[in-house]
């Protein structure tokens, strides 16, 4: 498709702003480095991992001629953006989205990867490629230099016998990995998720590589846990929005067995982690875990209680947009008189936004770093 243009791609339904883009120089560099590999690949032999909004997938199809592309994106907003961009440029038929595992990677010979932010996420992805892809697979992994570290080379070196680092171009760089290292044990059992027992809270947390805070419990969540007994005592149902590993959902379900609890996150790794956490704490039948873009699958005015520890970044960019999106959707879903309990870094000053998007908001707790507020639906 000679008229394909990266400039045509959009981030929607993710947050859009003048300083946020659907494609960058690392997408172009990955595709350029992979051009010969894409030209030689057969149908179904190309896999794309962590494509932000479709630039790699659609570029591989339009510029590289790849067909039968298999794609995995951790965040649902990226997956939805890819679908919308593919429809816009007439390439919907060129790919399919799958979970991280054998169906995604079996017999793959070319893997294009936008390097994830965390080393744990990279380790889990590299392990999966090593376990399931073809022995002659080549991985072209790229990113912006400011977000890359030498430790990424070490992680890939644990899984691949050959690693080459490309020269920099437009502040981007590519790592080319090949010769996956055989491991009979890992061909049967994955090292993920990892679990940690938190004796002080009486619960076990399980985590896949890409989930925030891993199997630990971040200090904002710990602070919000102190307020569980004050959260809308007459509520019959509750939502842990942006649940991560599901710590808040577990703690609330245990504390209040009469509640129907839903844990929701747009991250596939978070959803898998939360489900593993529920299993580890014998709560599979008490807590429903769903993958959702904010609360898009929830009806208006349907929630009595929502808990939220919002992220303050979008990918590698510090940006308030994702928190505002979650506040707005929480305000839509919250019943009149329902409660949204939010913990946030005090310097972010979210109270006016919560009042505007959800309802009357007051502070119920504050420590050296965090503020906890409760907003009442209107």
Protein backbone atom coordinates (compact mmCIF):
# COMPACT_ATOMS: atom_id res chain seq x y z
CA UNK A 1 0.00 0.00 0.00
CA UNK A 2 2.13 2.86 -1.30
CA UNK A 3 -0.11 5.59 0.15
CA UNK A 4 0.11 4.31 3.75
CA UNK A 5 1.03 7.11 6.16
CA UNK A 6 1.89 6.90 9.86
CA UNK A 7 0.51 10.43 10.23
CA UNK A 8 -2.96 9.08 9.56
CA UNK A 9 -2.95 6.90 12.68
CA UNK A 10 -4.81 7.99 15.81
CA UNK A 11 -4.53 7.05 19.48
CA UNK A 12 -8.31 7.00 20.00
CA UNK A 13 -9.90 5.66 22.24
CA UNK A 14 -6.80 6.30 24.35
CA UNK A 15 -6.05 9.83 25.51
CA UNK A 16 -5.21 12.21 22.67
CA UNK A 17 -3.24 15.45 23.02
CA UNK A 18 -0.88 17.65 21.00
CA UNK A 19 2.17 16.11 22.71
CA UNK A 20 1.01 12.48 22.40
CA UNK A 21 1.49 10.58 19.14
CA UNK A 22 0.24 7.32 17.61
CA UNK A 23 3.61 6.53 15.98
CA UNK A 24 7.20 7.54 16.62
CA UNK A 25 10.72 7.13 15.22
CA UNK A 26 11.19 3.79 16.98
CA UNK A 27 8.26 2.29 15.03
CA UNK A 28 9.85 3.37 11.77
CA UNK A 29 13.28 2.09 12.81
CA UNK A 30 11.94 -1.33 13.82
CA UNK A 31 10.19 -1.69 10.46
CA UNK A 32 13.26 -0.56 8.54
CA UNK A 33 15.50 -3.02 10.41
CA UNK A 34 13.00 -5.81 9.78
CA UNK A 35 12.35 -5.05 6.10
CA UNK A 36 14.32 -8.03 4.69
CA UNK A 37 12.86 -10.40 7.27
CA UNK A 38 9.31 -9.29 6.48
CA UNK A 39 9.89 -9.74 2.76
CA UNK A 40 10.97 -13.37 3.32
CA UNK A 41 8.34 -14.28 5.92
CA UNK A 42 5.46 -16.54 5.02
CA UNK A 43 1.81 -16.07 5.93
CA UNK A 44 1.35 -16.32 9.71
CA UNK A 45 5.07 -16.14 10.50
CA UNK A 46 5.12 -12.51 11.75
CA UNK A 47 4.21 -11.59 15.32
CA UNK A 48 3.94 -8.04 16.68
CA UNK A 49 4.20 -7.40 20.42
CA UNK A 50 3.30 -4.25 22.35
CA UNK A 51 2.39 -2.21 19.29
CA UNK A 52 1.27 1.10 20.75
CA UNK A 53 -1.56 2.05 18.39
CA UNK A 54 -1.02 0.01 15.24
CA UNK A 55 2.06 1.53 13.60
CA UNK A 56 4.08 -1.71 13.68
CA UNK A 57 1.25 -4.02 12.66
CA UNK A 58 -0.12 -1.85 9.90
CA UNK A 59 3.34 -0.83 8.76
CA UNK A 60 4.37 -4.50 8.51
CA UNK A 61 1.24 -5.18 6.43
CA UNK A 62 1.27 -2.08 4.22
CA UNK A 63 5.01 -1.58 3.76
CA UNK A 64 6.37 -5.08 4.39
CA UNK A 65 3.61 -7.13 2.77
CA UNK A 66 3.11 -9.30 5.87
CA UNK A 67 -0.14 -11.26 6.14
CA UNK A 68 -1.63 -13.37 8.88
CA UNK A 69 0.08 -11.17 11.48
CA UNK A 70 -0.51 -12.20 15.08
CA UNK A 71 -0.58 -9.35 17.60
CA UNK A 72 -0.48 -8.98 21.36
CA UNK A 73 -0.96 -5.64 23.11
CA UNK A 74 -1.18 -5.50 26.87
CA UNK A 75 -3.44 -2.44 27.06
CA UNK A 76 -6.96 -2.65 25.68
CA UNK A 77 -7.00 0.98 24.49
CA UNK A 78 -4.06 0.16 22.20
CA UNK A 79 -5.85 -2.92 20.89
CA UNK A 80 -8.97 -0.88 20.18
CA UNK A 81 -6.91 1.87 18.51
CA UNK A 82 -5.26 -0.72 16.24
CA UNK A 83 -8.69 -2.02 15.21
CA UNK A 84 -9.94 1.48 14.41
CA UNK A 85 -6.78 2.43 12.51
CA UNK A 86 -6.84 -0.86 10.57
CA UNK A 87 -10.43 -0.22 9.52
CA UNK A 88 -9.56 3.32 8.48
CA UNK A 89 -6.74 2.20 6.16
CA UNK A 90 -8.45 -0.98 4.95
CA UNK A 91 -6.13 -3.49 6.64
CA UNK A 92 -8.45 -5.18 9.10
CA UNK A 93 -7.99 -8.54 7.36
CA UNK A 94 -4.20 -8.56 7.82
CA UNK A 95 -3.96 -9.40 11.54
CA UNK A 96 -5.63 -10.93 14.60
CA UNK A 97 -5.19 -10.11 18.29
CA UNK A 98 -4.28 -12.88 20.76
CA UNK A 99 -3.17 -13.37 24.34
CA UNK A 100 0.48 -13.91 25.22
CA UNK A 101 1.11 -17.64 24.76
CA UNK A 102 1.46 -20.54 22.35
CA UNK A 103 -1.32 -19.55 19.94
CA UNK A 104 0.30 -16.15 19.51
CA UNK A 105 3.88 -17.31 19.05
CA UNK A 106 3.85 -20.88 17.72
CA UNK A 107 6.29 -21.19 14.78
CA UNK A 108 6.82 -17.42 14.60
CA UNK A 109 9.95 -16.53 12.60
CA UNK A 110 9.84 -12.73 12.87
CA UNK A 111 8.87 -10.87 16.05
CA UNK A 112 8.57 -7.08 16.11
CA UNK A 113 8.58 -5.71 19.65
CA UNK A 114 8.16 -2.26 21.16
CA UNK A 115 10.27 -2.63 24.29
CA UNK A 116 8.11 -2.50 27.43
CA UNK A 117 8.92 -0.14 30.25
CA UNK A 118 9.69 -2.80 32.85
CA UNK A 119 12.41 -5.43 32.81
CA UNK A 120 9.97 -7.94 34.30
CA UNK A 121 7.60 -7.44 31.35
CA UNK A 122 10.49 -7.88 28.92
CA UNK A 123 11.59 -11.04 30.71
CA UNK A 124 8.11 -12.60 30.45
CA UNK A 125 7.80 -11.69 26.77
CA UNK A 126 11.30 -12.99 25.96
CA UNK A 127 10.57 -16.22 27.83
CA UNK A 128 7.36 -16.72 25.84
CA UNK A 129 9.18 -16.16 22.52
CA UNK A 130 11.87 -18.61 23.56
CA UNK A 131 9.31 -21.24 24.56
CA UNK A 132 6.97 -21.09 21.59
CA UNK A 133 8.54 -19.44 18.53
CA UNK A 134 10.46 -21.21 15.75
CA UNK A 135 14.14 -22.06 16.44
CA UNK A 136 15.22 -19.59 13.76
CA UNK A 137 13.09 -16.72 15.09
CA UNK A 138 14.56 -13.22 14.91
CA UNK A 139 13.35 -10.54 17.32
CA UNK A 140 13.58 -6.87 16.32
CA UNK A 141 12.98 -4.94 19.55
CA UNK A 142 13.12 -1.17 19.61
CA UNK A 143 12.41 1.90 21.65
CA UNK A 144 13.35 5.47 22.42
CA UNK A 145 16.91 5.62 23.76
CA UNK A 146 15.88 7.65 26.81
CA UNK A 147 13.71 4.72 27.94
CA UNK A 148 16.26 1.97 27.18
CA UNK A 149 18.85 0.61 29.63
CA UNK A 150 21.79 -1.85 29.39
CA UNK A 151 19.76 -4.15 31.66
CA UNK A 152 17.44 -4.82 28.70
CA UNK A 153 20.40 -6.39 26.89
CA UNK A 154 21.03 -8.59 29.92
CA UNK A 155 17.40 -9.73 30.03
CA UNK A 156 17.37 -10.65 26.35
CA UNK A 157 20.76 -12.32 26.79
CA UNK A 158 19.23 -14.77 29.26
CA UNK A 159 16.90 -16.04 26.55
CA UNK A 160 18.81 -15.62 23.27
CA UNK A 161 22.30 -16.65 22.24
CA UNK A 162 22.78 -13.80 19.76
CA UNK A 163 22.17 -10.11 20.46
CA UNK A 164 23.12 -7.14 18.29
CA UNK A 165 22.59 -3.47 19.11
CA UNK A 166 21.85 -1.13 16.20
CA UNK A 167 23.28 2.36 15.76
CA UNK A 168 21.01 5.11 17.04
CA UNK A 169 18.66 6.93 14.69
CA UNK A 170 16.37 9.83 15.62
CA UNK A 171 16.91 9.10 19.32
CA UNK A 172 15.78 5.48 18.84
CA UNK A 173 17.60 2.17 18.85
CA UNK A 174 16.93 -1.48 17.98
CA UNK A 175 18.07 -4.68 19.68
CA UNK A 176 18.20 -7.69 17.33
CA UNK A 177 17.95 -11.04 19.15
CA UNK A 178 18.18 -14.55 17.69
CA UNK A 179 19.13 -18.16 18.56
CA UNK A 180 16.73 -18.83 21.45
CA UNK A 181 18.44 -20.79 24.21
CA UNK A 182 16.82 -24.24 24.67
CA UNK A 183 15.33 -24.92 28.10
CA UNK A 184 13.34 -28.16 28.59
CA UNK A 185 11.93 -26.94 31.91
CA UNK A 186 10.62 -23.64 30.53
CA UNK A 187 9.08 -25.36 27.53
CA UNK A 188 6.63 -26.94 29.97
CA UNK A 189 6.24 -24.45 32.82
CA UNK A 190 6.50 -20.66 32.73
CA UNK A 191 8.20 -18.69 35.48
CA UNK A 192 5.17 -16.35 35.48
CA UNK A 193 3.16 -15.28 37.38
CA UNK A 194 5.30 -14.81 40.48
CA UNK A 195 3.65 -14.81 43.92
CA UNK A 196 4.49 -13.19 47.26
CA UNK A 197 2.82 -13.79 50.62
CA UNK A 198 2.15 -10.56 52.54
CA UNK A 199 1.82 -11.80 56.10
CA UNK A 200 1.06 -8.32 57.47
CA UNK A 201 -2.12 -8.20 55.37
CA UNK A 202 -2.87 -11.91 55.35
CA UNK A 203 -3.00 -12.19 51.57
CA UNK A 204 -1.00 -13.50 48.62
CA UNK A 205 -0.32 -11.38 45.54
CA UNK A 206 0.40 -12.95 42.13
CA UNK A 207 1.84 -10.86 39.30
CA UNK A 208 2.76 -11.12 35.65
CA UNK A 209 5.68 -9.09 34.36
CA UNK A 210 3.87 -6.04 32.98
CA UNK A 211 1.70 -5.30 36.02
CA UNK A 212 2.43 -2.22 38.14
CA UNK A 213 4.34 -2.89 41.40
CA UNK A 214 4.76 -6.58 40.56
CA UNK A 215 3.83 -8.90 43.42
CA UNK A 216 4.48 -6.12 45.91
CA UNK A 217 1.91 -3.65 47.20
CA UNK A 218 2.52 -0.02 46.32
CA UNK A 219 2.36 2.53 49.11
CA UNK A 220 -0.67 4.35 47.68
CA UNK A 221 -2.71 1.14 47.74
CA UNK A 222 -1.51 0.43 51.28
CA UNK A 223 -2.76 3.83 52.39
CA UNK A 224 -6.18 3.33 50.77
CA UNK A 225 -6.49 -0.07 52.47
CA UNK A 226 -6.64 1.75 55.81
CA UNK A 227 -10.07 3.16 54.86
CA UNK A 228 -11.90 -0.01 53.81
CA UNK A 229 -14.22 -0.03 56.83
CA UNK A 230 -15.40 3.52 56.07
CA UNK A 231 -16.33 2.90 52.44
CA UNK A 232 -20.13 3.11 51.92
CA UNK A 233 -21.25 0.63 54.61
CA UNK A 234 -24.61 -0.07 52.93
CA UNK A 235 -23.14 -0.90 49.50
CA UNK A 236 -24.06 -4.25 48.00
CA UNK A 237 -21.52 -4.11 45.18
CA UNK A 238 -18.13 -2.56 44.55
CA UNK A 239 -15.64 -2.05 41.71
CA UNK A 240 -11.86 -2.00 42.01
CA UNK A 241 -11.12 0.25 39.01
CA UNK A 242 -7.62 -0.09 37.55
CA UNK A 243 -7.25 -3.11 39.82
CA UNK A 244 -3.69 -4.14 38.94
CA UNK A 245 -3.04 -7.35 40.86
CA UNK A 246 -6.40 -7.03 42.62
CA UNK A 247 -5.17 -6.19 46.12
CA UNK A 248 -8.01 -3.79 46.94
CA UNK A 249 -10.63 -6.21 45.61
CA UNK A 250 -9.21 -9.08 47.70
CA UNK A 251 -9.03 -7.03 50.87
CA UNK A 252 -12.55 -5.64 50.48
CA UNK A 253 -14.09 -9.01 49.58
CA UNK A 254 -12.50 -10.58 52.64
CA UNK A 255 -13.50 -7.75 54.96
CA UNK A 256 -17.09 -7.58 53.70
CA UNK A 257 -18.28 -11.01 52.52
CA UNK A 258 -21.76 -9.68 51.66
CA UNK A 259 -20.35 -7.51 48.85
CA UNK A 260 -20.36 -8.43 45.18
CA UNK A 261 -16.93 -7.26 43.97
CA UNK A 262 -15.66 -6.61 40.43
CA UNK A 263 -12.00 -6.00 39.62
CA UNK A 264 -11.43 -4.15 36.33
CA UNK A 265 -8.31 -3.18 34.38
CA UNK A 266 -7.44 -2.55 30.73
CA UNK A 267 -4.10 -4.38 31.04
CA UNK A 268 -4.12 -8.04 30.00
CA UNK A 269 -1.24 -8.66 32.42
CA UNK A 270 -3.18 -7.01 35.26
CA UNK A 271 -6.30 -9.06 34.54
CA UNK A 272 -4.30 -12.30 34.45
CA UNK A 273 -2.53 -11.25 37.66
CA UNK A 274 -5.78 -10.37 39.43
CA UNK A 275 -7.29 -13.72 38.48
CA UNK A 276 -4.20 -15.50 39.81
CA UNK A 277 -4.41 -13.41 43.00
CA UNK A 278 -8.07 -14.37 43.47
CA UNK A 279 -7.16 -18.04 43.05
CA UNK A 280 -4.29 -17.74 45.55
CA UNK A 281 -6.69 -16.24 48.12
CA UNK A 282 -9.64 -18.62 47.46
CA UNK A 283 -11.81 -15.79 46.09
CA UNK A 284 -12.42 -16.96 42.51
CA UNK A 285 -16.15 -17.28 43.18
CA UNK A 286 -16.37 -13.98 45.07
CA UNK A 287 -14.61 -11.51 42.77
CA UNK A 288 -15.30 -11.07 39.05
CA UNK A 289 -12.26 -9.91 37.06
CA UNK A 290 -12.82 -8.15 33.73
CA UNK A 291 -10.66 -6.45 31.08
CA UNK A 292 -12.22 -3.13 30.19
CA UNK A 293 -11.28 0.28 28.81
CA UNK A 294 -11.99 2.30 31.96
CA UNK A 295 -15.60 1.25 32.76
CA UNK A 296 -16.99 1.15 29.22
CA UNK A 297 -18.78 -2.17 29.75
CA UNK A 298 -20.58 -0.91 32.88
CA UNK A 299 -24.03 0.74 32.58
CA UNK A 300 -24.68 4.31 33.64
CA UNK A 301 -25.52 4.83 37.32
CA UNK A 302 -24.91 1.18 38.16
CA UNK A 303 -22.14 1.26 40.81
CA UNK A 304 -22.57 1.86 44.53
CA UNK A 305 -18.88 1.91 45.45
CA UNK A 306 -15.73 2.37 43.34
CA UNK A 307 -12.12 2.26 44.56
CA UNK A 308 -9.35 3.83 42.47
CA UNK A 309 -5.58 4.27 42.67
CA UNK A 310 -5.11 5.99 39.29
CA UNK A 311 -1.91 5.90 37.22
CA UNK A 312 -0.23 9.22 36.53
CA UNK A 313 1.48 8.23 33.29
CA UNK A 314 0.51 7.04 29.81
CA UNK A 315 3.15 4.65 28.58
CA UNK A 316 6.41 6.52 29.20
CA UNK A 317 4.79 9.98 29.38
CA UNK A 318 3.73 11.60 32.64
CA UNK A 319 0.25 12.85 31.81
CA UNK A 320 -2.95 13.50 33.79
CA UNK A 321 -5.17 12.42 30.91
CA UNK A 322 -5.58 8.79 31.96
CA UNK A 323 -6.64 9.75 35.50
CA UNK A 324 -9.17 12.26 34.14
CA UNK A 325 -10.56 9.59 31.80
CA UNK A 326 -11.03 7.23 34.76
CA UNK A 327 -12.64 9.97 36.88
CA UNK A 328 -15.08 10.81 34.08
CA UNK A 329 -16.12 7.20 33.57
CA UNK A 330 -16.43 6.63 37.31
CA UNK A 331 -18.73 9.65 37.47
CA UNK A 332 -20.89 8.19 34.71
CA UNK A 333 -21.13 4.75 36.31
CA UNK A 334 -21.55 5.86 39.92
CA UNK A 335 -25.09 5.91 41.28
CA UNK A 336 -26.51 9.04 42.85
CA UNK A 337 -25.20 8.90 46.40
CA UNK A 338 -22.59 6.27 45.50
CA UNK A 339 -18.98 6.74 46.57
CA UNK A 340 -15.69 6.91 44.68
CA UNK A 341 -12.70 6.46 46.99
CA UNK A 342 -9.47 7.66 45.37
CA UNK A 343 -5.84 7.77 46.52
CA UNK A 344 -3.50 10.12 44.69
CA UNK A 345 -0.12 11.83 44.96
CA UNK A 346 -0.93 15.04 46.81
CA UNK A 347 1.05 17.27 44.45
CA UNK A 348 -1.27 16.27 41.57
CA UNK A 349 -4.16 18.23 43.08
CA UNK A 350 -6.98 16.08 41.70
CA UNK A 351 -9.74 17.32 44.01
CA UNK A 352 -11.19 20.00 41.66
CA UNK A 353 -11.27 17.49 38.78
CA UNK A 354 -12.97 14.88 40.96
CA UNK A 355 -15.59 17.42 42.05
CA UNK A 356 -16.23 18.45 38.46
CA UNK A 357 -16.32 14.97 36.93
CA UNK A 358 -17.81 12.87 39.75
CA UNK A 359 -19.43 14.98 42.46
CA UNK A 360 -18.79 16.66 45.83
CA UNK A 361 -15.34 15.56 47.00
CA UNK A 362 -13.74 15.82 50.43
CA UNK A 363 -10.46 14.71 51.91
CA UNK A 364 -10.59 11.81 54.37
CA UNK A 365 -6.89 11.12 54.81
CA UNK A 366 -3.45 12.49 54.05
CA UNK A 367 0.11 11.42 54.79
CA UNK A 368 3.52 12.66 53.66
CA UNK A 369 2.91 11.69 50.03
CA UNK A 370 -0.71 10.74 49.38
CA UNK A 371 -4.22 12.11 49.74
CA UNK A 372 -7.36 9.97 50.03
CA UNK A 373 -10.66 11.50 48.96
CA UNK A 374 -14.24 10.33 48.74
CA UNK A 375 -16.46 11.70 45.95
CA UNK A 376 -20.24 11.32 46.08
CA UNK A 377 -22.16 10.59 42.87
CA UNK A 378 -24.79 13.11 41.84
